[in-house]
């Protein structure tokens, strides 16, 4: 429980330390959404600092990707949503985007390329899954609490009405395409 409190405090600090909703900021960070139970995160995240460093690097890559698109003026979309990340053992990471409106294809590719190139921390015992709740170009914060990327919806194993939804780490592993 102590580790989770440290993670929560550190993540709050990361959000508060990043640029807010100022005019013409490419990215506004609202919060970090932890998509797994605390006991799973405690077992899989090697340290709070490793997670924090990774999140800071991802935020920088996201900002660079959004601000650095070739047709920047044409692709300036004000939109809110999520950048969903999974890190698994072997220094592997995967990025999914889940925005409230359809995002320009060039911007999507740039985000996936830049964020996907960030070296992840070494996860233990399985994937660590979380999301950054963000807005691009002064977009409004998404009203949704958590993401559900289209790829997850399309590729998730079918569940019966009586069956429980799979744990997000298991879902991610089942649809991870290298």
C-alpha atoms as a PDB file:
ATOM      1  CA  UNK A   1       0.000   0.000   0.000  1.00  0.00           C
ATOM      2  CA  UNK A   2       2.916   2.334   0.753  1.00  0.00           C
ATOM      3  CA  UNK A   3       4.238   1.828  -2.797  1.00  0.00           C
ATOM      4  CA  UNK A   4       0.854   2.716  -4.314  1.00  0.00           C
ATOM      5  CA  UNK A   5       0.679   5.928  -2.260  1.00  0.00           C
ATOM      6  CA  UNK A   6       4.148   6.868  -3.527  1.00  0.00           C
ATOM      7  CA  UNK A   7       3.056   6.106  -7.096  1.00  0.00           C
ATOM      8  CA  UNK A   8      -0.093   8.227  -6.703  1.00  0.00           C
ATOM      9  CA  UNK A   9       1.820  11.179  -5.232  1.00  0.00           C
ATOM     10  CA  UNK A  10       4.513  10.948  -7.885  1.00  0.00           C
ATOM     11  CA  UNK A  11       1.988  10.740 -10.720  1.00  0.00           C
ATOM     12  CA  UNK A  12       0.114  13.750  -9.384  1.00  0.00           C
ATOM     13  CA  UNK A  13       3.411  15.639  -9.324  1.00  0.00           C
ATOM     14  CA  UNK A  14       4.089  14.642 -12.932  1.00  0.00           C
ATOM     15  CA  UNK A  15       0.733  15.978 -14.065  1.00  0.00           C
ATOM     16  CA  UNK A  16       1.117  19.219 -12.123  1.00  0.00           C
ATOM     17  CA  UNK A  17       4.687  19.755 -13.352  1.00  0.00           C
ATOM     18  CA  UNK A  18       3.753  19.513 -17.035  1.00  0.00           C
ATOM     19  CA  UNK A  19       2.433  22.458 -19.017  1.00  0.00           C
ATOM     20  CA  UNK A  20      -1.229  23.116 -18.416  1.00  0.00           C
ATOM     21  CA  UNK A  21      -3.899  24.554 -20.626  1.00  0.00           C
ATOM     22  CA  UNK A  22      -2.006  27.544 -21.973  1.00  0.00           C
ATOM     23  CA  UNK A  23      -2.759  28.986 -25.397  1.00  0.00           C
ATOM     24  CA  UNK A  24      -1.356  26.944 -28.268  1.00  0.00           C
ATOM     25  CA  UNK A  25       0.195  24.203 -26.142  1.00  0.00           C
ATOM     26  CA  UNK A  26       0.422  21.043 -28.248  1.00  0.00           C
ATOM     27  CA  UNK A  27      -0.467  18.758 -25.318  1.00  0.00           C
ATOM     28  CA  UNK A  28      -2.301  19.279 -22.047  1.00  0.00           C
ATOM     29  CA  UNK A  29      -1.813  16.494 -19.479  1.00  0.00           C
ATOM     30  CA  UNK A  30      -4.774  15.847 -17.200  1.00  0.00           C
ATOM     31  CA  UNK A  31      -3.839  12.684 -15.345  1.00  0.00           C
ATOM     32  CA  UNK A  32      -2.411   9.189 -15.408  1.00  0.00           C
ATOM     33  CA  UNK A  33      -5.013   6.433 -15.372  1.00  0.00           C
ATOM     34  CA  UNK A  34      -3.820   3.218 -13.738  1.00  0.00           C
ATOM     35  CA  UNK A  35      -5.682   0.344 -15.413  1.00  0.00           C
ATOM     36  CA  UNK A  36      -4.647  -2.481 -13.098  1.00  0.00           C
ATOM     37  CA  UNK A  37      -5.167  -3.212  -9.404  1.00  0.00           C
ATOM     38  CA  UNK A  38      -2.546  -1.948  -6.972  1.00  0.00           C
ATOM     39  CA  UNK A  39      -1.289  -5.433  -6.060  1.00  0.00           C
ATOM     40  CA  UNK A  40      -0.606  -6.171  -9.745  1.00  0.00           C
ATOM     41  CA  UNK A  41       1.217  -2.863 -10.225  1.00  0.00           C
ATOM     42  CA  UNK A  42       3.288  -3.354  -7.071  1.00  0.00           C
ATOM     43  CA  UNK A  43       4.436  -6.759  -8.336  1.00  0.00           C
ATOM     44  CA  UNK A  44       5.195  -5.603 -11.891  1.00  0.00           C
ATOM     45  CA  UNK A  45       6.627  -2.078 -11.566  1.00  0.00           C
ATOM     46  CA  UNK A  46      10.293  -2.253 -10.493  1.00  0.00           C
ATOM     47  CA  UNK A  47      10.256   1.178  -8.847  1.00  0.00           C
ATOM     48  CA  UNK A  48       8.204   4.328  -8.653  1.00  0.00           C
ATOM     49  CA  UNK A  49      11.125   6.260 -10.131  1.00  0.00           C
ATOM     50  CA  UNK A  50      11.345   3.943 -13.164  1.00  0.00           C
ATOM     51  CA  UNK A  51       7.644   4.440 -13.880  1.00  0.00           C
ATOM     52  CA  UNK A  52       7.898   8.208 -13.376  1.00  0.00           C
ATOM     53  CA  UNK A  53      10.919   8.507 -15.672  1.00  0.00           C
ATOM     54  CA  UNK A  54       9.118   6.540 -18.360  1.00  0.00           C
ATOM     55  CA  UNK A  55       5.990   8.682 -18.087  1.00  0.00           C
ATOM     56  CA  UNK A  56       8.052  11.891 -18.325  1.00  0.00           C
ATOM     57  CA  UNK A  57       9.837  10.577 -21.425  1.00  0.00           C
ATOM     58  CA  UNK A  58       6.516   9.553 -23.009  1.00  0.00           C
ATOM     59  CA  UNK A  59       5.028  12.994 -22.288  1.00  0.00           C
ATOM     60  CA  UNK A  60       8.031  14.634 -23.964  1.00  0.00           C
ATOM     61  CA  UNK A  61       7.784  12.343 -27.002  1.00  0.00           C
ATOM     62  CA  UNK A  62       4.044  13.004 -27.250  1.00  0.00           C
ATOM     63  CA  UNK A  63       4.581  16.762 -27.146  1.00  0.00           C
ATOM     64  CA  UNK A  64       7.294  16.487 -29.792  1.00  0.00           C
ATOM     65  CA  UNK A  65       5.123  14.280 -32.025  1.00  0.00           C
ATOM     66  CA  UNK A  66       2.111  16.589 -31.869  1.00  0.00           C
ATOM     67  CA  UNK A  67       4.079  19.821 -32.298  1.00  0.00           C
ATOM     68  CA  UNK A  68       6.366  18.395 -34.961  1.00  0.00           C
ATOM     69  CA  UNK A  69       3.978  17.112 -37.596  1.00  0.00           C
ATOM     70  CA  UNK A  70       4.886  18.296 -41.084  1.00  0.00           C
ATOM     71  CA  UNK A  71       1.502  19.774 -41.863  1.00  0.00           C
ATOM     72  CA  UNK A  72       1.174  21.168 -38.344  1.00  0.00           C
ATOM     73  CA  UNK A  73      -1.201  24.001 -39.206  1.00  0.00           C
ATOM     74  CA  UNK A  74      -3.547  21.684 -41.097  1.00  0.00           C
ATOM     75  CA  UNK A  75      -3.438  18.931 -38.476  1.00  0.00           C
ATOM     76  CA  UNK A  76      -4.010  21.055 -35.376  1.00  0.00           C
ATOM     77  CA  UNK A  77      -6.956  19.188 -33.973  1.00  0.00           C
ATOM     78  CA  UNK A  78      -8.415  20.229 -30.641  1.00  0.00           C
ATOM     79  CA  UNK A  79      -9.322  16.878 -29.174  1.00  0.00           C
ATOM     80  CA  UNK A  80      -9.194  15.041 -25.849  1.00  0.00           C
ATOM     81  CA  UNK A  81      -8.597  11.401 -25.136  1.00  0.00           C
ATOM     82  CA  UNK A  82      -6.042   8.859 -24.017  1.00  0.00           C
ATOM     83  CA  UNK A  83      -2.616   7.568 -24.950  1.00  0.00           C
ATOM     84  CA  UNK A  84      -2.688   3.997 -23.667  1.00  0.00           C
ATOM     85  CA  UNK A  85       0.589   2.259 -22.873  1.00  0.00           C
ATOM     86  CA  UNK A  86       1.581  -1.270 -22.023  1.00  0.00           C
ATOM     87  CA  UNK A  87       5.058  -2.304 -20.915  1.00  0.00           C
ATOM     88  CA  UNK A  88       5.976  -5.945 -20.614  1.00  0.00           C
ATOM     89  CA  UNK A  89       9.099  -7.849 -19.612  1.00  0.00           C
ATOM     90  CA  UNK A  90      11.931  -7.724 -22.112  1.00  0.00           C
ATOM     91  CA  UNK A  91      11.770  -3.919 -22.478  1.00  0.00           C
ATOM     92  CA  UNK A  92       8.791  -4.146 -24.822  1.00  0.00           C
ATOM     93  CA  UNK A  93       6.116  -1.487 -25.083  1.00  0.00           C
ATOM     94  CA  UNK A  94       2.958  -0.905 -27.078  1.00  0.00           C
ATOM     95  CA  UNK A  95       0.932   2.252 -27.712  1.00  0.00           C
ATOM     96  CA  UNK A  96      -2.778   2.582 -28.448  1.00  0.00           C
ATOM     97  CA  UNK A  97      -4.627   5.846 -29.048  1.00  0.00           C
ATOM     98  CA  UNK A  98      -8.196   6.441 -27.910  1.00  0.00           C
ATOM     99  CA  UNK A  99      -9.364   9.973 -28.675  1.00  0.00           C
ATOM    100  CA  UNK A 100     -12.918  11.281 -28.524  1.00  0.00           C
ATOM    101  CA  UNK A 101     -12.833  12.235 -32.214  1.00  0.00           C
ATOM    102  CA  UNK A 102     -11.099  10.691 -35.179  1.00  0.00           C
ATOM    103  CA  UNK A 103      -7.517  11.921 -35.155  1.00  0.00           C
ATOM    104  CA  UNK A 104      -5.665  12.824 -38.363  1.00  0.00           C
ATOM    105  CA  UNK A 105      -3.779   9.777 -39.675  1.00  0.00           C
ATOM    106  CA  UNK A 106      -0.453  11.630 -39.893  1.00  0.00           C
ATOM    107  CA  UNK A 107      -0.760  12.767 -36.278  1.00  0.00           C
ATOM    108  CA  UNK A 108      -1.675   9.232 -35.156  1.00  0.00           C
ATOM    109  CA  UNK A 109       1.369   7.813 -36.936  1.00  0.00           C
ATOM    110  CA  UNK A 110       3.697  10.445 -35.476  1.00  0.00           C
ATOM    111  CA  UNK A 111       2.418   9.836 -31.948  1.00  0.00           C
ATOM    112  CA  UNK A 112       2.700   6.061 -32.277  1.00  0.00           C
ATOM    113  CA  UNK A 113       6.195   6.347 -33.759  1.00  0.00           C
ATOM    114  CA  UNK A 114       7.627   8.844 -31.236  1.00  0.00           C
ATOM    115  CA  UNK A 115       5.962   7.423 -28.124  1.00  0.00           C
ATOM    116  CA  UNK A 116       6.673   3.859 -29.217  1.00  0.00           C
ATOM    117  CA  UNK A 117      10.374   4.713 -29.534  1.00  0.00           C
ATOM    118  CA  UNK A 118      10.684   5.653 -25.843  1.00  0.00           C
ATOM    119  CA  UNK A 119      12.678   3.007 -23.992  1.00  0.00           C
ATOM    120  CA  UNK A 120      10.416   1.461 -21.344  1.00  0.00           C
ATOM    121  CA  UNK A 121      11.298   0.310 -17.857  1.00  0.00           C
ATOM    122  CA  UNK A 122      11.803  -3.405 -17.207  1.00  0.00           C
ATOM    123  CA  UNK A 123       8.415  -4.767 -16.151  1.00  0.00           C
ATOM    124  CA  UNK A 124       8.305  -7.899 -13.995  1.00  0.00           C
ATOM    125  CA  UNK A 125       5.924 -10.857 -14.081  1.00  0.00           C
ATOM    126  CA  UNK A 126       3.664  -9.485 -16.843  1.00  0.00           C
ATOM    127  CA  UNK A 127       2.445  -6.319 -18.525  1.00  0.00           C
ATOM    128  CA  UNK A 128       1.926  -2.956 -16.835  1.00  0.00           C
ATOM    129  CA  UNK A 129      -0.968  -1.086 -18.461  1.00  0.00           C
ATOM    130  CA  UNK A 130      -1.878   2.576 -17.928  1.00  0.00           C
ATOM    131  CA  UNK A 131      -3.030   5.603 -19.882  1.00  0.00           C
ATOM    132  CA  UNK A 132      -2.250   9.296 -20.098  1.00  0.00           C
ATOM    133  CA  UNK A 133      -5.405  11.377 -20.232  1.00  0.00           C
ATOM    134  CA  UNK A 134      -4.524  14.299 -22.499  1.00  0.00           C
ATOM    135  CA  UNK A 135      -5.862  16.916 -24.876  1.00  0.00           C
ATOM    136  CA  UNK A 136      -4.207  18.157 -28.040  1.00  0.00           C
ATOM    137  CA  UNK A 137      -4.138  21.830 -29.073  1.00  0.00           C
ATOM    138  CA  UNK A 138      -6.354  23.185 -26.309  1.00  0.00           C
ATOM    139  CA  UNK A 139      -8.914  20.414 -26.674  1.00  0.00           C
ATOM    140  CA  UNK A 140     -11.311  19.661 -23.853  1.00  0.00           C
ATOM    141  CA  UNK A 141     -10.681  16.919 -21.338  1.00  0.00           C
ATOM    142  CA  UNK A 142     -12.466  13.694 -22.241  1.00  0.00           C
ATOM    143  CA  UNK A 143     -15.507  12.996 -20.078  1.00  0.00           C
ATOM    144  CA  UNK A 144     -14.602   9.326 -20.035  1.00  0.00           C
ATOM    145  CA  UNK A 145     -12.865   7.959 -16.965  1.00  0.00           C
ATOM    146  CA  UNK A 146     -10.892   5.239 -18.713  1.00  0.00           C
ATOM    147  CA  UNK A 147      -9.912   4.360 -22.274  1.00  0.00           C
ATOM    148  CA  UNK A 148     -11.122   1.544 -24.485  1.00  0.00           C
ATOM    149  CA  UNK A 149      -9.075   1.670 -27.704  1.00  0.00           C
ATOM    150  CA  UNK A 150     -10.781   0.449 -30.871  1.00  0.00           C
ATOM    151  CA  UNK A 151      -8.137  -2.283 -31.250  1.00  0.00           C
ATOM    152  CA  UNK A 152      -9.101  -3.652 -27.846  1.00  0.00           C
ATOM    153  CA  UNK A 153     -12.795  -3.691 -28.756  1.00  0.00           C
ATOM    154  CA  UNK A 154     -12.162  -5.401 -32.112  1.00  0.00           C
ATOM    155  CA  UNK A 155      -9.697  -8.004 -30.871  1.00  0.00           C
ATOM    156  CA  UNK A 156     -10.861  -8.761 -27.352  1.00  0.00           C
ATOM    157  CA  UNK A 157     -11.955 -12.336 -26.809  1.00  0.00           C
ATOM    158  CA  UNK A 158     -15.726 -12.597 -26.903  1.00  0.00           C
ATOM    159  CA  UNK A 159     -17.218 -12.913 -23.444  1.00  0.00           C
ATOM    160  CA  UNK A 160     -20.621 -14.217 -22.557  1.00  0.00           C
ATOM    161  CA  UNK A 161     -22.975 -12.055 -20.557  1.00  0.00           C
ATOM    162  CA  UNK A 162     -22.286 -14.157 -17.453  1.00  0.00           C
ATOM    163  CA  UNK A 163     -18.499 -14.197 -17.842  1.00  0.00           C
ATOM    164  CA  UNK A 164     -16.333 -11.575 -16.190  1.00  0.00           C
ATOM    165  CA  UNK A 165     -14.310  -9.259 -18.404  1.00  0.00           C
ATOM    166  CA  UNK A 166     -10.666 -10.305 -18.690  1.00  0.00           C
ATOM    167  CA  UNK A 167      -8.061  -8.495 -16.582  1.00  0.00           C
ATOM    168  CA  UNK A 168      -6.561  -5.719 -18.709  1.00  0.00           C
ATOM    169  CA  UNK A 169      -3.077  -7.269 -18.636  1.00  0.00           C
ATOM    170  CA  UNK A 170      -4.450 -10.557 -19.972  1.00  0.00           C
ATOM    171  CA  UNK A 171      -6.440  -8.675 -22.618  1.00  0.00           C
ATOM    172  CA  UNK A 172      -3.337  -6.773 -23.727  1.00  0.00           C
ATOM    173  CA  UNK A 173      -1.287  -9.981 -23.934  1.00  0.00           C
ATOM    174  CA  UNK A 174      -4.012 -11.674 -25.999  1.00  0.00           C
ATOM    175  CA  UNK A 175      -4.049  -8.920 -28.660  1.00  0.00           C
ATOM    176  CA  UNK A 176      -0.403  -7.774 -28.594  1.00  0.00           C
ATOM    177  CA  UNK A 177       0.941  -7.800 -32.145  1.00  0.00           C
ATOM    178  CA  UNK A 178       4.687  -7.360 -32.530  1.00  0.00           C
END
